[in-house]
């Protein structure tokens, strides 16, 4: 079994485990309350977004990328069922996560070199995981009474999606903004890479020995 298929099975296994935690009503924090299954949807959002971001070079690789993204939707729906979340809100969250996956895929293709992909993992992982942790620490130890995070939601995809999974109504603009920016920037990077690749091909073609010899014969 290849590494990618093993990671895909691990991806499915972790989502099953996360869903099981909610179904068995296991509290993961002191603030879970008397009904910890109500956190099943936020927990699934955290696992899907964080894990996909940290492992996107392999999880969204050739042959398994589509299955990775498609398999996330049923688990998200089941988590929404456990929390009695309206189907419209679950679909909105699912679409936002799919856009995030599409942006990760675009950056994976744009960053063809494995070493550069690791840099991409570090940067995107900081946004997806470091931003909400940093915002929480600032709110926890700050003297301000506002309770709001100093990190803009546009740079904090996880907090944007979590607010949509727990609030009474979801703000579509807030939920889609980080994923939209990631997808747009990835598409631009992918376009620039392909343009650079085309130039290299044309340059090699016109400077190949065959073209040089044919040019000499025509002179």
N, C-alpha and C. Protein backbone atom coordinates (compact mmCIF):
# COMPACT_ATOMS: atom_id res chain seq x y z
N UNK A 1 0.85 -1.19 0.00
CA UNK A 1 0.00 0.00 0.00
C UNK A 1 0.89 1.25 0.00
N UNK A 2 0.57 2.19 -0.88
CA UNK A 2 1.37 3.41 -0.98
C UNK A 2 1.10 4.33 0.20
N UNK A 3 1.98 5.29 0.35
CA UNK A 3 1.85 6.24 1.46
C UNK A 3 0.58 7.06 1.34
N UNK A 4 0.22 7.44 0.12
CA UNK A 4 -0.98 8.26 -0.06
C UNK A 4 -2.24 7.52 0.33
N UNK A 5 -2.34 6.24 -0.07
CA UNK A 5 -3.53 5.47 0.28
C UNK A 5 -3.57 5.21 1.77
N UNK A 6 -2.42 5.01 2.39
CA UNK A 6 -2.39 4.83 3.84
C UNK A 6 -2.87 6.09 4.56
N UNK A 7 -2.44 7.26 4.05
CA UNK A 7 -2.89 8.51 4.65
C UNK A 7 -4.38 8.74 4.43
N UNK A 8 -4.89 8.31 3.28
CA UNK A 8 -6.33 8.43 3.03
C UNK A 8 -7.12 7.58 4.01
N UNK A 9 -6.66 6.36 4.27
CA UNK A 9 -7.33 5.52 5.26
C UNK A 9 -7.22 6.14 6.65
N UNK A 10 -6.07 6.74 6.95
CA UNK A 10 -5.92 7.43 8.23
C UNK A 10 -6.85 8.62 8.34
N UNK A 11 -7.02 9.34 7.22
CA UNK A 11 -7.93 10.48 7.17
C UNK A 11 -9.36 10.04 7.48
N UNK A 12 -9.79 8.93 6.89
CA UNK A 12 -11.13 8.40 7.16
C UNK A 12 -11.24 7.92 8.61
N UNK A 13 -10.18 7.26 9.10
CA UNK A 13 -10.22 6.74 10.46
C UNK A 13 -10.33 7.84 11.50
N UNK A 14 -9.60 8.94 11.30
CA UNK A 14 -9.65 10.04 12.27
C UNK A 14 -11.02 10.69 12.27
N UNK A 15 -11.66 10.81 11.10
CA UNK A 15 -13.00 11.37 11.05
C UNK A 15 -14.00 10.44 11.74
N UNK A 16 -13.85 9.14 11.55
CA UNK A 16 -14.72 8.18 12.24
C UNK A 16 -14.54 8.30 13.75
N UNK A 17 -13.29 8.43 14.19
CA UNK A 17 -13.01 8.57 15.62
C UNK A 17 -13.63 9.86 16.17
N UNK A 18 -13.49 10.95 15.42
CA UNK A 18 -14.08 12.22 15.85
C UNK A 18 -15.59 12.13 15.95
N UNK A 19 -16.20 11.49 14.97
CA UNK A 19 -17.65 11.31 15.01
C UNK A 19 -18.05 10.42 16.18
N UNK A 20 -17.24 9.40 16.46
CA UNK A 20 -17.54 8.52 17.58
C UNK A 20 -17.46 9.23 18.92
N UNK A 21 -16.54 10.18 19.05
CA UNK A 21 -16.44 10.94 20.29
C UNK A 21 -17.74 11.70 20.55
N UNK A 22 -18.30 12.30 19.49
CA UNK A 22 -19.55 13.01 19.65
C UNK A 22 -20.72 12.07 19.90
N UNK A 23 -20.75 10.95 19.18
CA UNK A 23 -21.87 10.00 19.33
C UNK A 23 -21.88 9.37 20.71
N UNK A 24 -20.69 9.15 21.29
CA UNK A 24 -20.62 8.55 22.63
C UNK A 24 -20.68 9.59 23.74
N UNK A 25 -20.84 10.85 23.34
CA UNK A 25 -21.02 11.94 24.30
C UNK A 25 -19.83 12.06 25.25
N UNK A 26 -18.64 11.96 24.68
CA UNK A 26 -17.43 12.10 25.48
C UNK A 26 -17.03 13.57 25.55
N UNK A 27 -16.99 14.16 26.72
CA UNK A 27 -16.60 15.58 26.84
C UNK A 27 -15.10 15.76 26.65
N UNK A 28 -14.74 16.67 25.77
CA UNK A 28 -13.32 16.94 25.53
C UNK A 28 -12.84 18.18 26.27
N UNK A 29 -13.73 18.86 26.97
CA UNK A 29 -13.35 20.04 27.75
C UNK A 29 -14.32 20.20 28.90
N UNK A 30 -13.93 21.03 29.86
CA UNK A 30 -14.79 21.26 31.02
C UNK A 30 -16.02 22.08 30.65
N UNK A 31 -15.97 22.74 29.48
CA UNK A 31 -17.08 23.58 29.05
C UNK A 31 -18.03 22.85 28.12
N UNK A 32 -17.90 21.55 28.03
CA UNK A 32 -18.76 20.79 27.12
C UNK A 32 -20.21 20.77 27.57
N UNK A 33 -20.44 20.93 28.87
CA UNK A 33 -21.81 20.94 29.39
C UNK A 33 -22.38 19.55 29.53
N UNK A 34 -23.70 19.50 29.71
CA UNK A 34 -24.37 18.22 29.92
C UNK A 34 -24.65 17.47 28.63
N UNK A 35 -24.47 18.13 27.49
CA UNK A 35 -24.72 17.50 26.19
C UNK A 35 -23.50 17.70 25.29
N UNK A 36 -22.43 16.96 25.52
CA UNK A 36 -21.19 17.14 24.73
C UNK A 36 -21.35 16.78 23.27
N UNK A 37 -22.41 16.03 22.91
CA UNK A 37 -22.61 15.70 21.49
C UNK A 37 -22.93 16.94 20.67
N UNK A 38 -23.32 18.04 21.34
CA UNK A 38 -23.60 19.27 20.62
C UNK A 38 -22.34 19.90 20.05
N UNK A 39 -21.18 19.39 20.46
CA UNK A 39 -19.91 19.89 19.92
C UNK A 39 -19.39 19.01 18.79
N UNK A 40 -20.19 18.03 18.34
CA UNK A 40 -19.73 17.12 17.30
C UNK A 40 -19.41 17.87 16.01
N UNK A 41 -20.24 18.82 15.63
CA UNK A 41 -20.01 19.56 14.38
C UNK A 41 -18.77 20.45 14.48
N UNK A 42 -18.62 21.28 15.53
CA UNK A 42 -17.37 22.05 15.64
C UNK A 42 -16.12 21.17 15.68
N UNK A 43 -16.21 20.04 16.36
CA UNK A 43 -15.05 19.13 16.43
C UNK A 43 -14.71 18.59 15.04
N UNK A 44 -15.72 18.25 14.25
CA UNK A 44 -15.46 17.74 12.91
C UNK A 44 -14.87 18.82 12.02
N UNK A 45 -15.33 20.06 12.16
CA UNK A 45 -14.79 21.17 11.38
C UNK A 45 -13.32 21.38 11.70
N UNK A 46 -12.98 21.32 12.99
CA UNK A 46 -11.58 21.51 13.41
C UNK A 46 -10.70 20.41 12.83
N UNK A 47 -11.14 19.17 12.94
CA UNK A 47 -10.34 18.03 12.47
C UNK A 47 -10.15 18.11 10.96
N UNK A 48 -11.21 18.36 10.21
CA UNK A 48 -11.11 18.38 8.75
C UNK A 48 -10.22 19.51 8.27
N UNK A 49 -10.43 20.70 8.81
CA UNK A 49 -9.66 21.86 8.32
C UNK A 49 -8.19 21.74 8.72
N UNK A 50 -7.93 21.41 9.99
CA UNK A 50 -6.55 21.36 10.46
C UNK A 50 -5.77 20.21 9.81
N UNK A 51 -6.37 19.04 9.75
CA UNK A 51 -5.66 17.89 9.19
C UNK A 51 -5.40 18.05 7.70
N UNK A 52 -6.40 18.53 6.96
CA UNK A 52 -6.21 18.74 5.52
C UNK A 52 -5.13 19.78 5.24
N UNK A 53 -5.06 20.82 6.07
CA UNK A 53 -4.07 21.88 5.86
C UNK A 53 -2.66 21.37 6.13
N UNK A 54 -2.50 20.57 7.18
CA UNK A 54 -1.17 20.08 7.54
C UNK A 54 -0.68 18.98 6.60
N UNK A 55 -1.60 18.28 5.94
CA UNK A 55 -1.22 17.14 5.09
C UNK A 55 -1.64 17.32 3.63
N UNK A 56 -1.90 18.56 3.20
CA UNK A 56 -2.43 18.74 1.85
C UNK A 56 -1.49 18.28 0.73
N UNK A 57 -0.16 18.29 0.90
CA UNK A 57 0.67 17.81 -0.21
C UNK A 57 0.44 16.34 -0.55
N UNK A 58 0.02 15.54 0.43
CA UNK A 58 -0.22 14.11 0.16
C UNK A 58 -1.71 13.78 0.12
N UNK A 59 -2.51 14.41 1.00
CA UNK A 59 -3.94 14.10 1.02
C UNK A 59 -4.65 14.57 -0.24
N UNK A 60 -4.15 15.64 -0.83
CA UNK A 60 -4.76 16.18 -2.04
C UNK A 60 -3.90 15.91 -3.27
N UNK A 61 -3.14 14.83 -3.21
CA UNK A 61 -2.30 14.46 -4.34
C UNK A 61 -3.09 13.77 -5.43
N UNK A 62 -2.39 13.40 -6.48
CA UNK A 62 -3.03 12.75 -7.63
C UNK A 62 -3.60 11.40 -7.23
N UNK A 63 -4.85 11.16 -7.62
CA UNK A 63 -5.48 9.87 -7.36
C UNK A 63 -6.28 9.80 -6.09
N UNK A 64 -5.96 10.63 -5.09
CA UNK A 64 -6.68 10.57 -3.82
C UNK A 64 -7.29 11.92 -3.43
N UNK A 65 -6.94 12.98 -4.13
CA UNK A 65 -7.42 14.31 -3.76
C UNK A 65 -8.94 14.42 -3.79
N UNK A 66 -9.55 13.92 -4.87
CA UNK A 66 -11.01 14.01 -4.98
C UNK A 66 -11.69 13.19 -3.88
N UNK A 67 -11.17 11.99 -3.61
CA UNK A 67 -11.77 11.15 -2.58
C UNK A 67 -11.60 11.75 -1.19
N UNK A 68 -10.48 12.42 -0.97
CA UNK A 68 -10.27 13.09 0.31
C UNK A 68 -11.32 14.16 0.55
N UNK A 69 -11.53 15.01 -0.47
CA UNK A 69 -12.51 16.08 -0.33
C UNK A 69 -13.94 15.54 -0.25
N UNK A 70 -14.26 14.57 -1.11
CA UNK A 70 -15.63 14.05 -1.14
C UNK A 70 -15.98 13.31 0.15
N UNK A 71 -15.02 12.63 0.74
CA UNK A 71 -15.31 11.87 1.96
C UNK A 71 -15.57 12.76 3.16
N UNK A 72 -15.17 14.03 3.07
CA UNK A 72 -15.40 14.93 4.20
C UNK A 72 -16.87 15.31 4.36
N UNK A 73 -17.60 15.34 3.26
CA UNK A 73 -18.99 15.80 3.31
C UNK A 73 -19.92 14.87 4.11
N UNK A 74 -19.87 13.55 3.91
CA UNK A 74 -20.76 12.69 4.72
C UNK A 74 -20.49 12.79 6.21
N UNK A 75 -19.22 12.89 6.61
CA UNK A 75 -18.91 13.01 8.03
C UNK A 75 -19.41 14.34 8.58
N UNK A 76 -19.31 15.39 7.78
CA UNK A 76 -19.81 16.69 8.22
C UNK A 76 -21.33 16.64 8.39
N UNK A 77 -22.01 15.95 7.47
CA UNK A 77 -23.46 15.81 7.57
C UNK A 77 -23.86 15.00 8.80
N UNK A 78 -23.15 13.91 9.08
CA UNK A 78 -23.44 13.10 10.26
C UNK A 78 -23.21 13.89 11.54
N UNK A 79 -22.15 14.69 11.57
CA UNK A 79 -21.90 15.54 12.74
C UNK A 79 -23.01 16.57 12.90
N UNK A 80 -23.50 17.11 11.78
CA UNK A 80 -24.62 18.03 11.85
C UNK A 80 -25.88 17.37 12.36
N UNK A 81 -26.06 16.09 12.02
CA UNK A 81 -27.22 15.35 12.51
C UNK A 81 -27.15 15.17 14.03
N UNK A 82 -25.95 14.90 14.56
CA UNK A 82 -25.79 14.73 16.00
C UNK A 82 -26.09 16.02 16.76
N UNK A 83 -25.78 17.14 16.16
CA UNK A 83 -25.99 18.42 16.82
C UNK A 83 -27.32 19.07 16.45
N UNK A 84 -28.13 18.37 15.64
CA UNK A 84 -29.43 18.90 15.20
C UNK A 84 -29.27 20.26 14.52
N UNK A 85 -28.20 20.38 13.72
CA UNK A 85 -27.93 21.62 12.99
C UNK A 85 -28.75 21.63 11.70
N UNK A 86 -29.38 22.77 11.37
CA UNK A 86 -30.15 22.84 10.11
C UNK A 86 -29.30 22.45 8.91
N UNK A 87 -29.92 21.77 7.97
CA UNK A 87 -29.20 21.25 6.81
C UNK A 87 -28.61 22.37 5.98
N UNK A 88 -29.29 23.52 5.93
CA UNK A 88 -28.78 24.65 5.14
C UNK A 88 -27.45 25.14 5.70
N UNK A 89 -27.33 25.19 7.03
CA UNK A 89 -26.08 25.65 7.63
C UNK A 89 -24.96 24.63 7.43
N UNK A 90 -25.30 23.34 7.52
CA UNK A 90 -24.29 22.30 7.28
C UNK A 90 -23.80 22.36 5.84
N UNK A 91 -24.71 22.59 4.90
CA UNK A 91 -24.31 22.69 3.49
C UNK A 91 -23.42 23.90 3.26
N UNK A 92 -23.72 25.01 3.94
CA UNK A 92 -22.88 26.20 3.81
C UNK A 92 -21.48 25.94 4.35
N UNK A 93 -21.40 25.28 5.50
CA UNK A 93 -20.09 24.93 6.05
C UNK A 93 -19.35 23.96 5.12
N UNK A 94 -20.10 22.99 4.57
CA UNK A 94 -19.48 22.04 3.65
C UNK A 94 -18.93 22.72 2.41
N UNK A 95 -19.65 23.68 1.87
CA UNK A 95 -19.18 24.40 0.69
C UNK A 95 -17.94 25.22 1.01
N UNK A 96 -17.92 25.85 2.19
CA UNK A 96 -16.74 26.63 2.58
C UNK A 96 -15.52 25.71 2.74
N UNK A 97 -15.71 24.53 3.32
CA UNK A 97 -14.60 23.59 3.48
C UNK A 97 -14.14 23.08 2.12
N UNK A 98 -15.07 22.83 1.19
CA UNK A 98 -14.68 22.39 -0.15
C UNK A 98 -13.88 23.47 -0.87
N UNK A 99 -14.25 24.73 -0.67
CA UNK A 99 -13.47 25.82 -1.26
C UNK A 99 -12.07 25.87 -0.66
N UNK A 100 -11.97 25.61 0.63
CA UNK A 100 -10.65 25.57 1.28
C UNK A 100 -9.83 24.43 0.71
N UNK A 101 -10.44 23.27 0.51
CA UNK A 101 -9.74 22.15 -0.10
C UNK A 101 -9.28 22.49 -1.52
N UNK A 102 -10.14 23.16 -2.27
CA UNK A 102 -9.77 23.55 -3.64
C UNK A 102 -8.58 24.50 -3.63
N UNK A 103 -8.57 25.43 -2.67
CA UNK A 103 -7.42 26.33 -2.56
C UNK A 103 -6.15 25.59 -2.19
N UNK A 104 -6.27 24.61 -1.28
CA UNK A 104 -5.10 23.79 -0.93
C UNK A 104 -4.60 23.01 -2.13
N UNK A 105 -5.54 22.46 -2.93
CA UNK A 105 -5.13 21.72 -4.12
C UNK A 105 -4.40 22.63 -5.11
N UNK A 106 -4.91 23.85 -5.30
CA UNK A 106 -4.26 24.78 -6.23
C UNK A 106 -2.85 25.11 -5.77
N UNK A 107 -2.68 25.32 -4.48
CA UNK A 107 -1.33 25.61 -3.98
C UNK A 107 -0.43 24.39 -4.05
N UNK A 108 -0.99 23.19 -3.90
CA UNK A 108 -0.18 21.99 -4.02
C UNK A 108 0.38 21.86 -5.43
N UNK A 109 -0.44 22.14 -6.43
CA UNK A 109 0.02 22.05 -7.82
C UNK A 109 0.99 23.18 -8.13
N UNK A 110 0.72 24.37 -7.59
CA UNK A 110 1.59 25.51 -7.86
C UNK A 110 2.97 25.32 -7.21
N UNK A 111 2.98 24.69 -6.03
CA UNK A 111 4.24 24.43 -5.34
C UNK A 111 4.69 23.00 -5.66
N UNK A 112 5.28 22.84 -6.82
CA UNK A 112 5.59 21.49 -7.30
C UNK A 112 6.71 20.83 -6.51
N UNK A 113 7.66 21.62 -6.03
CA UNK A 113 8.78 21.07 -5.29
C UNK A 113 8.35 20.69 -3.87
N UNK A 114 8.76 19.52 -3.39
CA UNK A 114 8.34 19.04 -2.08
C UNK A 114 8.85 19.94 -0.96
N UNK A 115 10.05 20.47 -1.09
CA UNK A 115 10.59 21.36 -0.07
C UNK A 115 9.78 22.65 0.02
N UNK A 116 9.37 23.18 -1.13
CA UNK A 116 8.55 24.39 -1.14
C UNK A 116 7.17 24.09 -0.58
N UNK A 117 6.65 22.88 -0.84
CA UNK A 117 5.36 22.49 -0.30
C UNK A 117 5.39 22.47 1.23
N UNK A 118 6.52 22.07 1.80
CA UNK A 118 6.64 22.08 3.26
C UNK A 118 6.58 23.50 3.81
N UNK A 119 7.14 24.44 3.07
CA UNK A 119 7.03 25.84 3.48
C UNK A 119 5.56 26.28 3.42
N UNK A 120 4.85 25.84 2.36
CA UNK A 120 3.43 26.13 2.25
C UNK A 120 2.64 25.54 3.41
N UNK A 121 3.00 24.33 3.84
CA UNK A 121 2.34 23.71 4.99
C UNK A 121 2.55 24.55 6.24
N UNK A 122 3.77 25.06 6.42
CA UNK A 122 4.07 25.88 7.60
C UNK A 122 3.26 27.17 7.60
N UNK A 123 3.19 27.83 6.44
CA UNK A 123 2.47 29.10 6.36
C UNK A 123 0.97 28.89 6.54
N UNK A 124 0.40 27.96 5.79
CA UNK A 124 -1.04 27.73 5.88
C UNK A 124 -1.43 27.11 7.22
N UNK A 125 -0.55 26.26 7.77
CA UNK A 125 -0.82 25.71 9.09
C UNK A 125 -0.84 26.77 10.17
N UNK A 126 0.01 27.78 10.02
CA UNK A 126 0.01 28.90 10.96
C UNK A 126 -1.31 29.65 10.91
N UNK A 127 -1.84 29.83 9.68
CA UNK A 127 -3.13 30.52 9.54
C UNK A 127 -4.28 29.68 10.09
N UNK A 128 -4.27 28.39 9.76
CA UNK A 128 -5.40 27.55 10.12
C UNK A 128 -5.41 27.16 11.59
N UNK A 129 -4.23 26.99 12.20
CA UNK A 129 -4.16 26.52 13.58
C UNK A 129 -3.58 27.59 14.50
N UNK A 130 -2.52 28.25 14.05
CA UNK A 130 -1.88 29.25 14.91
C UNK A 130 -2.73 30.47 15.16
N UNK A 131 -3.50 30.90 14.15
CA UNK A 131 -4.32 32.11 14.32
C UNK A 131 -5.38 31.94 15.41
N UNK A 132 -6.17 30.86 15.40
CA UNK A 132 -7.16 30.72 16.48
C UNK A 132 -6.53 30.53 17.86
N UNK A 133 -5.39 29.82 17.92
CA UNK A 133 -4.71 29.66 19.21
C UNK A 133 -4.20 31.01 19.71
N UNK A 134 -3.59 31.78 18.80
CA UNK A 134 -3.10 33.10 19.18
C UNK A 134 -4.23 34.02 19.62
N UNK A 135 -5.35 33.98 18.89
CA UNK A 135 -6.49 34.80 19.27
C UNK A 135 -7.04 34.42 20.64
N UNK A 136 -7.08 33.12 20.91
CA UNK A 136 -7.56 32.66 22.21
C UNK A 136 -6.65 33.12 23.34
N UNK A 137 -5.33 33.01 23.14
CA UNK A 137 -4.40 33.42 24.18
C UNK A 137 -4.48 34.91 24.45
N UNK A 138 -4.64 35.69 23.38
CA UNK A 138 -4.75 37.14 23.57
C UNK A 138 -6.02 37.48 24.34
N UNK A 139 -7.14 36.83 23.99
CA UNK A 139 -8.39 37.10 24.72
C UNK A 139 -8.30 36.64 26.17
N UNK A 140 -7.59 35.53 26.40
CA UNK A 140 -7.52 34.95 27.74
C UNK A 140 -6.69 35.79 28.69
N UNK A 141 -5.60 36.36 28.18
CA UNK A 141 -4.66 37.07 29.05
C UNK A 141 -4.68 38.58 28.83
N UNK A 142 -5.58 39.05 28.00
CA UNK A 142 -5.67 40.50 27.77
C UNK A 142 -6.54 41.15 28.83
N UNK A 143 -6.25 42.40 29.11
CA UNK A 143 -7.05 43.16 30.07
C UNK A 143 -8.30 43.76 29.44
N UNK A 144 -8.38 43.64 28.11
CA UNK A 144 -9.54 44.20 27.41
C UNK A 144 -10.80 43.39 27.74
N UNK A 145 -11.92 44.07 27.87
CA UNK A 145 -13.19 43.43 28.18
C UNK A 145 -14.04 43.19 26.94
N UNK A 146 -13.52 43.51 25.77
CA UNK A 146 -14.31 43.35 24.55
C UNK A 146 -14.52 41.88 24.21
N UNK A 147 -13.52 41.02 24.51
CA UNK A 147 -13.65 39.60 24.23
C UNK A 147 -13.49 39.23 22.77
N UNK A 148 -13.14 40.18 21.92
CA UNK A 148 -12.99 39.90 20.50
C UNK A 148 -11.54 39.61 20.18
N UNK A 149 -11.34 38.80 19.16
CA UNK A 149 -10.00 38.43 18.77
C UNK A 149 -9.33 39.55 17.99
N UNK A 150 -8.04 39.84 18.25
CA UNK A 150 -7.36 40.89 17.49
C UNK A 150 -7.00 40.45 16.08
N UNK A 151 -7.12 39.15 15.78
CA UNK A 151 -6.77 38.62 14.47
C UNK A 151 -7.99 38.72 13.56
N UNK A 152 -7.88 39.37 12.40
CA UNK A 152 -9.04 39.48 11.49
C UNK A 152 -9.55 38.12 11.07
N UNK A 153 -10.87 38.01 10.96
CA UNK A 153 -11.47 36.73 10.56
C UNK A 153 -11.02 36.30 9.17
N UNK A 154 -10.65 37.27 8.35
CA UNK A 154 -10.24 36.95 6.98
C UNK A 154 -8.92 36.16 6.98
N UNK A 155 -8.17 36.24 8.09
CA UNK A 155 -6.91 35.50 8.23
C UNK A 155 -7.05 34.33 9.20
N UNK A 156 -8.28 34.05 9.61
CA UNK A 156 -8.51 33.01 10.61
C UNK A 156 -9.65 32.10 10.13
N UNK A 157 -9.37 31.17 9.21
CA UNK A 157 -10.44 30.37 8.64
C UNK A 157 -11.14 29.47 9.65
N UNK A 158 -10.39 28.96 10.61
CA UNK A 158 -10.98 28.02 11.57
C UNK A 158 -11.99 28.72 12.46
N UNK A 159 -11.64 29.89 12.98
CA UNK A 159 -12.58 30.63 13.82
C UNK A 159 -13.80 31.06 13.03
N UNK A 160 -13.61 31.42 11.76
CA UNK A 160 -14.73 31.81 10.92
C UNK A 160 -15.73 30.67 10.75
N UNK A 161 -15.22 29.46 10.53
CA UNK A 161 -16.10 28.31 10.37
C UNK A 161 -16.71 27.87 11.70
N UNK A 162 -15.94 27.96 12.78
CA UNK A 162 -16.47 27.57 14.08
C UNK A 162 -17.60 28.48 14.52
N UNK A 163 -17.48 29.77 14.22
CA UNK A 163 -18.56 30.68 14.57
C UNK A 163 -19.82 30.34 13.80
N UNK A 164 -19.66 29.84 12.58
CA UNK A 164 -20.83 29.45 11.80
C UNK A 164 -21.43 28.14 12.25
N UNK A 165 -20.62 27.28 12.89
CA UNK A 165 -21.14 25.99 13.33
C UNK A 165 -21.81 26.05 14.68
N UNK A 166 -21.57 27.12 15.44
CA UNK A 166 -22.14 27.22 16.78
C UNK A 166 -23.15 28.35 16.92
N UNK A 167 -23.09 29.36 16.06
CA UNK A 167 -24.00 30.49 16.18
C UNK A 167 -25.39 30.12 15.67
N UNK A 168 -26.36 30.95 16.01
CA UNK A 168 -27.73 30.69 15.57
C UNK A 168 -27.89 30.92 14.07
N UNK A 169 -27.06 31.78 13.50
CA UNK A 169 -27.09 32.05 12.06
C UNK A 169 -25.67 32.20 11.57
N UNK A 170 -25.42 31.75 10.36
CA UNK A 170 -24.07 31.78 9.81
C UNK A 170 -23.90 32.98 8.90
N UNK A 171 -22.78 33.66 9.04
CA UNK A 171 -22.43 34.78 8.18
C UNK A 171 -21.66 34.23 6.99
N UNK A 172 -22.31 34.16 5.84
CA UNK A 172 -21.70 33.53 4.67
C UNK A 172 -20.43 34.26 4.24
N UNK A 173 -20.45 35.60 4.31
CA UNK A 173 -19.27 36.37 3.89
C UNK A 173 -18.07 36.03 4.76
N UNK A 174 -18.29 35.92 6.07
CA UNK A 174 -17.20 35.60 6.98
C UNK A 174 -16.71 34.17 6.78
N UNK A 175 -17.64 33.24 6.53
CA UNK A 175 -17.27 31.84 6.37
C UNK A 175 -16.51 31.59 5.08
N UNK A 176 -16.89 32.29 3.99
CA UNK A 176 -16.29 32.03 2.69
C UNK A 176 -15.05 32.88 2.40
N UNK A 177 -14.85 33.97 3.13
CA UNK A 177 -13.76 34.89 2.81
C UNK A 177 -12.38 34.24 2.86
N UNK A 178 -11.99 33.54 3.95
CA UNK A 178 -10.65 32.94 3.98
C UNK A 178 -10.44 31.91 2.87
N UNK A 179 -11.45 31.04 2.66
CA UNK A 179 -11.32 30.02 1.61
C UNK A 179 -11.27 30.65 0.23
N UNK A 180 -12.05 31.71 0.02
CA UNK A 180 -12.03 32.39 -1.27
C UNK A 180 -10.69 33.02 -1.56
N UNK A 181 -10.09 33.64 -0.55
CA UNK A 181 -8.77 34.25 -0.73
C UNK A 181 -7.72 33.19 -1.02
N UNK A 182 -7.80 32.06 -0.30
CA UNK A 182 -6.84 30.98 -0.54
C UNK A 182 -6.98 30.43 -1.95
N UNK A 183 -8.22 30.23 -2.40
CA UNK A 183 -8.44 29.70 -3.74
C UNK A 183 -7.98 30.68 -4.81
N UNK A 184 -8.28 31.97 -4.63
CA UNK A 184 -7.87 32.98 -5.61
C UNK A 184 -6.36 33.10 -5.68
N UNK A 185 -5.70 33.14 -4.53
CA UNK A 185 -4.24 33.25 -4.53
C UNK A 185 -3.60 31.99 -5.12
N UNK A 186 -4.19 30.82 -4.82
CA UNK A 186 -3.67 29.59 -5.40
C UNK A 186 -3.83 29.53 -6.90
N UNK A 187 -4.98 30.03 -7.39
CA UNK A 187 -5.20 30.07 -8.84
C UNK A 187 -4.21 31.01 -9.53
N UNK A 188 -3.92 32.14 -8.90
CA UNK A 188 -2.94 33.08 -9.46
C UNK A 188 -1.55 32.44 -9.48
N UNK A 189 -1.18 31.81 -8.37
CA UNK A 189 0.13 31.15 -8.31
C UNK A 189 0.24 30.03 -9.33
N UNK A 190 -0.85 29.29 -9.52
CA UNK A 190 -0.86 28.21 -10.50
C UNK A 190 -0.73 28.75 -11.91
N UNK A 191 -1.43 29.87 -12.20
CA UNK A 191 -1.33 30.48 -13.51
C UNK A 191 0.08 31.00 -13.80
N UNK A 192 0.70 31.61 -12.81
CA UNK A 192 2.06 32.11 -12.99
C UNK A 192 3.04 30.96 -13.20
N UNK A 193 2.84 29.86 -12.49
CA UNK A 193 3.74 28.72 -12.67
C UNK A 193 3.61 28.13 -14.07
N UNK A 194 2.40 27.98 -14.56
CA UNK A 194 2.20 27.43 -15.89
C UNK A 194 2.73 28.37 -16.96
N UNK A 195 2.61 29.66 -16.73
CA UNK A 195 3.15 30.63 -17.69
C UNK A 195 4.67 30.54 -17.73
N UNK A 196 5.29 30.42 -16.55
CA UNK A 196 6.73 30.27 -16.50
C UNK A 196 7.18 28.96 -17.15
N UNK A 197 6.40 27.89 -16.93
CA UNK A 197 6.73 26.60 -17.53
C UNK A 197 6.64 26.67 -19.05
N UNK A 198 5.63 27.36 -19.57
CA UNK A 198 5.49 27.50 -21.03
C UNK A 198 6.67 28.25 -21.62
N UNK A 199 7.11 29.28 -20.94
CA UNK A 199 8.27 30.03 -21.43
C UNK A 199 9.51 29.15 -21.46
N UNK A 200 9.69 28.33 -20.44
CA UNK A 200 10.85 27.45 -20.41
C UNK A 200 10.81 26.43 -21.54
N UNK A 201 9.61 25.91 -21.83
CA UNK A 201 9.47 24.94 -22.91
C UNK A 201 9.80 25.59 -24.25
N UNK A 202 9.27 26.80 -24.48
CA UNK A 202 9.53 27.50 -25.74
C UNK A 202 11.01 27.83 -25.87
N UNK A 203 11.62 28.24 -24.75
CA UNK A 203 13.05 28.58 -24.79
C UNK A 203 13.89 27.34 -25.13
N UNK A 204 13.58 26.21 -24.50
CA UNK A 204 14.32 24.98 -24.78
C UNK A 204 14.09 24.51 -26.21
N UNK A 205 12.86 24.71 -26.71
CA UNK A 205 12.54 24.27 -28.06
C UNK A 205 13.34 25.04 -29.10
N UNK A 206 13.43 26.35 -28.95
CA UNK A 206 14.12 27.17 -29.94
C UNK A 206 15.64 27.11 -29.79
N UNK A 207 16.10 26.59 -28.67
CA UNK A 207 17.54 26.48 -28.48
C UNK A 207 18.00 25.02 -28.51
N UNK A 208 17.15 24.14 -28.99
CA UNK A 208 17.54 22.74 -29.10
C UNK A 208 18.46 22.55 -30.31
N UNK A 209 19.30 21.52 -30.30
CA UNK A 209 20.23 21.28 -31.42
C UNK A 209 19.51 21.08 -32.75
N UNK A 210 18.34 20.45 -32.74
CA UNK A 210 17.61 20.22 -33.98
C UNK A 210 17.20 21.52 -34.63
N UNK A 211 16.67 22.44 -33.80
CA UNK A 211 16.23 23.73 -34.33
C UNK A 211 17.43 24.52 -34.82
N UNK A 212 18.55 24.44 -34.12
CA UNK A 212 19.75 25.15 -34.56
C UNK A 212 20.24 24.63 -35.90
N UNK A 213 20.25 23.32 -36.08
CA UNK A 213 20.72 22.75 -37.34
C UNK A 213 19.79 23.12 -38.48
N UNK A 214 18.45 23.09 -38.22
CA UNK A 214 17.52 23.43 -39.28
C UNK A 214 17.64 24.90 -39.65
N UNK A 215 17.98 25.73 -38.66
CA UNK A 215 18.18 27.15 -38.96
C UNK A 215 19.41 27.37 -39.80
N UNK A 216 20.46 26.58 -39.57
CA UNK A 216 21.66 26.71 -40.38
C UNK A 216 21.40 26.28 -41.82
N UNK A 217 20.58 25.25 -42.01
CA UNK A 217 20.32 24.75 -43.35
C UNK A 217 19.49 25.74 -44.16
N UNK A 218 18.62 26.45 -43.52
CA UNK A 218 17.79 27.41 -44.24
C UNK A 218 18.53 28.68 -44.61
N UNK A 219 19.67 28.91 -43.96
CA UNK A 219 20.41 30.14 -44.26
C UNK A 219 21.21 30.00 -45.56
